[in-house]
């Protein structure tokens, strides 16, 4: 029983860290978009390759014509915050209930 509890607890910690890291990557990419960085820079290419698939799906699902502002990073950050508050906390509570 403790093994499953520890597994869920570890999973919650790793998931929380991964979501936090991805949130910071989204924030950095959004900030870099304000200064128009060199698209051939390896760091910029890495950030784009990591974030663009998800951001593109959000832009496609939530069209924002005429706004002139890309709100997809904000939507992703809000989704990450929701996952941290709901999924990670649920995993932690499940781990505590198994003890």
N, C-alpha and C. Protein backbone atom coordinates (compact mmCIF):
# COMPACT_ATOMS: atom_id res chain seq x y z
N UNK A 1 0.81 -1.18 0.00
CA UNK A 1 0.00 0.00 0.00
C UNK A 1 0.87 1.26 0.00
N UNK A 2 1.96 1.21 0.77
CA UNK A 2 2.87 2.36 0.80
C UNK A 2 3.56 2.57 -0.53
N UNK A 3 3.76 1.49 -1.28
CA UNK A 3 4.42 1.60 -2.57
C UNK A 3 3.57 2.43 -3.53
N UNK A 4 2.29 2.14 -3.60
CA UNK A 4 1.38 2.90 -4.46
C UNK A 4 1.26 4.34 -4.00
N UNK A 5 1.23 4.54 -2.70
CA UNK A 5 1.17 5.89 -2.15
C UNK A 5 2.41 6.69 -2.54
N UNK A 6 3.57 6.07 -2.39
CA UNK A 6 4.82 6.75 -2.76
C UNK A 6 4.89 7.00 -4.26
N UNK A 7 4.39 6.06 -5.04
CA UNK A 7 4.39 6.23 -6.49
C UNK A 7 3.51 7.42 -6.89
N UNK A 8 2.31 7.52 -6.32
CA UNK A 8 1.44 8.65 -6.64
C UNK A 8 2.03 9.97 -6.16
N UNK A 9 2.67 9.95 -5.02
CA UNK A 9 3.29 11.16 -4.50
C UNK A 9 4.44 11.61 -5.40
N UNK A 10 5.26 10.67 -5.82
CA UNK A 10 6.38 10.99 -6.72
C UNK A 10 5.87 11.48 -8.06
N UNK A 11 4.82 10.84 -8.57
CA UNK A 11 4.22 11.26 -9.83
C UNK A 11 3.69 12.69 -9.74
N UNK A 12 3.07 13.01 -8.62
CA UNK A 12 2.56 14.37 -8.43
C UNK A 12 3.69 15.39 -8.41
N UNK A 13 4.78 15.06 -7.76
CA UNK A 13 5.92 15.98 -7.70
C UNK A 13 6.54 16.19 -9.07
N UNK A 14 6.75 15.10 -9.80
CA UNK A 14 7.35 15.19 -11.14
C UNK A 14 6.43 15.95 -12.09
N UNK A 15 5.14 15.67 -12.03
CA UNK A 15 4.18 16.36 -12.88
C UNK A 15 4.14 17.85 -12.57
N UNK A 16 4.16 18.19 -11.30
CA UNK A 16 4.17 19.59 -10.88
C UNK A 16 5.41 20.30 -11.40
N UNK A 17 6.56 19.67 -11.29
CA UNK A 17 7.80 20.27 -11.77
C UNK A 17 7.80 20.44 -13.29
N UNK A 18 7.30 19.42 -14.00
CA UNK A 18 7.25 19.48 -15.46
C UNK A 18 6.30 20.59 -15.92
N UNK A 19 5.15 20.71 -15.27
CA UNK A 19 4.21 21.77 -15.64
C UNK A 19 4.78 23.15 -15.34
N UNK A 20 5.46 23.29 -14.22
CA UNK A 20 6.09 24.57 -13.89
C UNK A 20 7.18 24.92 -14.90
N UNK A 21 8.00 23.95 -15.27
CA UNK A 21 9.04 24.19 -16.26
C UNK A 21 8.44 24.61 -17.59
N UNK A 22 7.39 23.91 -18.04
CA UNK A 22 6.76 24.25 -19.31
C UNK A 22 6.11 25.63 -19.25
N UNK A 23 5.56 26.01 -18.10
CA UNK A 23 4.99 27.34 -17.95
C UNK A 23 6.06 28.41 -18.12
N UNK A 24 7.25 28.17 -17.54
CA UNK A 24 8.34 29.14 -17.68
C UNK A 24 8.85 29.19 -19.12
N UNK A 25 8.84 28.07 -19.80
CA UNK A 25 9.24 28.07 -21.21
C UNK A 25 8.25 28.89 -22.04
N UNK A 26 6.96 28.75 -21.76
CA UNK A 26 5.94 29.55 -22.46
C UNK A 26 6.14 31.04 -22.17
N UNK A 27 6.40 31.38 -20.92
CA UNK A 27 6.61 32.79 -20.54
C UNK A 27 7.83 33.35 -21.25
N UNK A 28 8.93 32.61 -21.26
CA UNK A 28 10.15 33.07 -21.92
C UNK A 28 9.90 33.27 -23.41
N UNK A 29 9.20 32.33 -24.03
CA UNK A 29 8.91 32.47 -25.46
C UNK A 29 8.06 33.71 -25.72
N UNK A 30 7.06 33.94 -24.88
CA UNK A 30 6.20 35.12 -25.06
C UNK A 30 7.01 36.41 -24.90
N UNK A 31 7.89 36.44 -23.92
CA UNK A 31 8.73 37.63 -23.73
C UNK A 31 9.68 37.84 -24.90
N UNK A 32 10.24 36.76 -25.41
CA UNK A 32 11.15 36.88 -26.56
C UNK A 32 10.43 37.37 -27.81
N UNK A 33 9.16 37.05 -27.93
CA UNK A 33 8.41 37.48 -29.11
C UNK A 33 8.27 39.01 -29.16
N UNK A 34 8.41 39.68 -28.04
CA UNK A 34 8.32 41.13 -28.01
C UNK A 34 9.55 41.80 -28.61
N UNK A 35 10.72 41.10 -28.58
CA UNK A 35 11.96 41.72 -29.06
C UNK A 35 12.39 41.22 -30.42
N UNK A 36 11.59 40.36 -31.05
CA UNK A 36 11.87 39.83 -32.38
C UNK A 36 13.28 39.23 -32.46
N UNK A 37 13.51 38.09 -31.79
CA UNK A 37 14.85 37.50 -31.77
C UNK A 37 15.22 36.86 -33.11
N UNK A 38 16.49 36.55 -33.26
CA UNK A 38 16.99 35.90 -34.46
C UNK A 38 16.39 34.50 -34.56
N UNK A 39 15.64 34.20 -35.64
CA UNK A 39 15.00 32.89 -35.74
C UNK A 39 15.98 31.74 -35.93
N UNK A 40 17.23 32.04 -36.25
CA UNK A 40 18.23 30.99 -36.45
C UNK A 40 19.03 30.69 -35.18
N UNK A 41 18.73 31.43 -34.11
CA UNK A 41 19.37 31.17 -32.83
C UNK A 41 18.89 29.81 -32.31
N UNK A 42 19.82 28.93 -31.88
CA UNK A 42 19.40 27.60 -31.42
C UNK A 42 18.45 27.62 -30.22
N UNK A 43 18.61 28.58 -29.34
CA UNK A 43 17.72 28.67 -28.19
C UNK A 43 16.31 29.03 -28.64
N UNK A 44 16.21 29.98 -29.56
CA UNK A 44 14.91 30.39 -30.08
C UNK A 44 14.27 29.23 -30.84
N UNK A 45 15.05 28.50 -31.61
CA UNK A 45 14.53 27.35 -32.34
C UNK A 45 14.04 26.28 -31.37
N UNK A 46 14.78 26.05 -30.29
CA UNK A 46 14.36 25.07 -29.28
C UNK A 46 13.04 25.49 -28.64
N UNK A 47 12.95 26.75 -28.22
CA UNK A 47 11.72 27.24 -27.59
C UNK A 47 10.53 27.12 -28.54
N UNK A 48 10.74 27.46 -29.81
CA UNK A 48 9.66 27.35 -30.79
C UNK A 48 9.26 25.90 -31.01
N UNK A 49 10.23 25.00 -31.09
CA UNK A 49 9.90 23.59 -31.35
C UNK A 49 9.17 22.95 -30.16
N UNK A 50 9.44 23.43 -28.96
CA UNK A 50 8.80 22.88 -27.77
C UNK A 50 7.38 23.45 -27.57
N UNK A 51 7.19 24.72 -27.92
CA UNK A 51 5.92 25.37 -27.61
C UNK A 51 4.96 25.49 -28.79
N UNK A 52 5.46 25.57 -29.99
CA UNK A 52 4.59 25.85 -31.14
C UNK A 52 3.51 24.79 -31.39
N UNK A 53 3.79 23.50 -31.23
CA UNK A 53 2.70 22.54 -31.48
C UNK A 53 1.47 22.79 -30.61
N UNK A 54 1.66 23.07 -29.34
CA UNK A 54 0.53 23.32 -28.45
C UNK A 54 -0.09 24.68 -28.72
N UNK A 55 0.74 25.70 -28.89
CA UNK A 55 0.21 27.04 -29.14
C UNK A 55 -0.56 27.08 -30.46
N UNK A 56 -0.09 26.36 -31.47
CA UNK A 56 -0.78 26.31 -32.76
C UNK A 56 -2.17 25.68 -32.60
N UNK A 57 -2.26 24.61 -31.82
CA UNK A 57 -3.56 23.98 -31.57
C UNK A 57 -4.52 24.92 -30.86
N UNK A 58 -4.01 25.69 -29.92
CA UNK A 58 -4.84 26.64 -29.19
C UNK A 58 -5.32 27.74 -30.14
N UNK A 59 -4.41 28.27 -30.98
CA UNK A 59 -4.79 29.30 -31.93
C UNK A 59 -5.86 28.81 -32.90
N UNK A 60 -5.74 27.54 -33.29
CA UNK A 60 -6.72 26.95 -34.20
C UNK A 60 -8.07 26.74 -33.52
N UNK A 61 -8.06 26.30 -32.28
CA UNK A 61 -9.29 26.00 -31.55
C UNK A 61 -10.01 27.27 -31.09
N UNK A 62 -9.25 28.31 -30.78
CA UNK A 62 -9.83 29.55 -30.27
C UNK A 62 -9.43 30.68 -31.22
N UNK A 63 -10.15 30.84 -32.31
CA UNK A 63 -9.76 31.91 -33.25
C UNK A 63 -10.02 33.28 -32.64
N UNK A 64 -9.07 34.19 -32.84
CA UNK A 64 -9.18 35.54 -32.30
C UNK A 64 -8.94 36.55 -33.42
N UNK A 65 -9.86 36.63 -34.39
CA UNK A 65 -9.65 37.55 -35.50
C UNK A 65 -9.81 39.01 -35.07
N UNK A 66 -8.96 39.85 -35.61
CA UNK A 66 -9.08 41.27 -35.36
C UNK A 66 -8.50 41.76 -34.05
N UNK A 67 -8.04 40.84 -33.21
CA UNK A 67 -7.49 41.28 -31.91
C UNK A 67 -6.08 41.83 -32.10
N UNK A 68 -5.27 41.15 -32.90
CA UNK A 68 -3.90 41.59 -33.10
C UNK A 68 -2.97 41.21 -31.97
N UNK A 69 -3.48 40.43 -31.03
CA UNK A 69 -2.70 40.00 -29.88
C UNK A 69 -2.87 38.50 -29.73
N UNK A 70 -1.76 37.80 -29.60
CA UNK A 70 -1.81 36.34 -29.46
C UNK A 70 -2.06 36.00 -27.99
N UNK A 71 -3.25 35.50 -27.72
CA UNK A 71 -3.62 35.15 -26.34
C UNK A 71 -3.37 33.67 -26.03
N UNK A 72 -2.86 32.91 -26.98
CA UNK A 72 -2.66 31.49 -26.75
C UNK A 72 -1.69 31.19 -25.60
N UNK A 73 -0.60 31.96 -25.40
CA UNK A 73 0.23 31.67 -24.22
C UNK A 73 -0.51 31.85 -22.90
N UNK A 74 -1.40 32.83 -22.83
CA UNK A 74 -2.17 33.04 -21.60
C UNK A 74 -3.12 31.87 -21.36
N UNK A 75 -3.73 31.37 -22.44
CA UNK A 75 -4.63 30.23 -22.31
C UNK A 75 -3.88 29.00 -21.82
N UNK A 76 -2.67 28.79 -22.37
CA UNK A 76 -1.86 27.63 -21.95
C UNK A 76 -1.43 27.77 -20.50
N UNK A 77 -1.03 28.96 -20.10
CA UNK A 77 -0.62 29.18 -18.71
C UNK A 77 -1.79 28.95 -17.75
N UNK A 78 -2.99 29.40 -18.12
CA UNK A 78 -4.16 29.15 -17.29
C UNK A 78 -4.48 27.66 -17.21
N UNK A 79 -4.30 26.96 -18.31
CA UNK A 79 -4.52 25.51 -18.31
C UNK A 79 -3.50 24.81 -17.41
N UNK A 80 -2.26 25.26 -17.43
CA UNK A 80 -1.23 24.68 -16.58
C UNK A 80 -1.57 24.92 -15.10
N UNK A 81 -2.00 26.13 -14.79
CA UNK A 81 -2.38 26.44 -13.41
C UNK A 81 -3.55 25.56 -12.96
N UNK A 82 -4.52 25.36 -13.85
CA UNK A 82 -5.64 24.48 -13.53
C UNK A 82 -5.16 23.06 -13.28
N UNK A 83 -4.27 22.55 -14.14
CA UNK A 83 -3.76 21.18 -13.96
C UNK A 83 -3.00 21.05 -12.65
N UNK A 84 -2.24 22.08 -12.30
CA UNK A 84 -1.51 22.02 -11.04
C UNK A 84 -2.46 22.05 -9.85
N UNK A 85 -3.51 22.84 -9.95
CA UNK A 85 -4.45 22.94 -8.83
C UNK A 85 -5.35 21.73 -8.73
N UNK A 86 -5.70 21.12 -9.86
CA UNK A 86 -6.64 20.01 -9.84
C UNK A 86 -5.94 18.65 -9.86
N UNK A 87 -5.19 18.40 -10.91
CA UNK A 87 -4.60 17.07 -11.10
C UNK A 87 -3.49 16.77 -10.09
N UNK A 88 -2.58 17.69 -9.93
CA UNK A 88 -1.46 17.45 -9.01
C UNK A 88 -1.98 17.33 -7.58
N UNK A 89 -2.88 18.21 -7.20
CA UNK A 89 -3.42 18.14 -5.84
C UNK A 89 -4.25 16.87 -5.63
N UNK A 90 -4.97 16.43 -6.68
CA UNK A 90 -5.72 15.18 -6.56
C UNK A 90 -4.80 13.98 -6.38
N UNK A 91 -3.68 14.00 -7.09
CA UNK A 91 -2.70 12.91 -6.92
C UNK A 91 -2.11 12.92 -5.51
N UNK A 92 -1.83 14.10 -4.99
CA UNK A 92 -1.29 14.20 -3.63
C UNK A 92 -2.30 13.72 -2.59
N UNK A 93 -3.54 14.09 -2.78
CA UNK A 93 -4.58 13.65 -1.84
C UNK A 93 -4.80 12.14 -1.93
N UNK A 94 -4.75 11.58 -3.13
CA UNK A 94 -4.89 10.14 -3.30
C UNK A 94 -3.74 9.41 -2.62
N UNK A 95 -2.55 9.98 -2.72
CA UNK A 95 -1.40 9.36 -2.07
C UNK A 95 -1.55 9.39 -0.55
N UNK A 96 -2.06 10.50 -0.03
CA UNK A 96 -2.26 10.59 1.41
C UNK A 96 -3.35 9.64 1.90
N UNK A 97 -4.39 9.47 1.10
CA UNK A 97 -5.49 8.56 1.50
C UNK A 97 -5.08 7.10 1.48
N UNK A 98 -4.06 6.76 0.74
CA UNK A 98 -3.59 5.37 0.67
C UNK A 98 -2.68 4.99 1.84
N UNK A 99 -2.26 5.95 2.60
CA UNK A 99 -1.35 5.66 3.72
C UNK A 99 -2.07 5.09 4.90
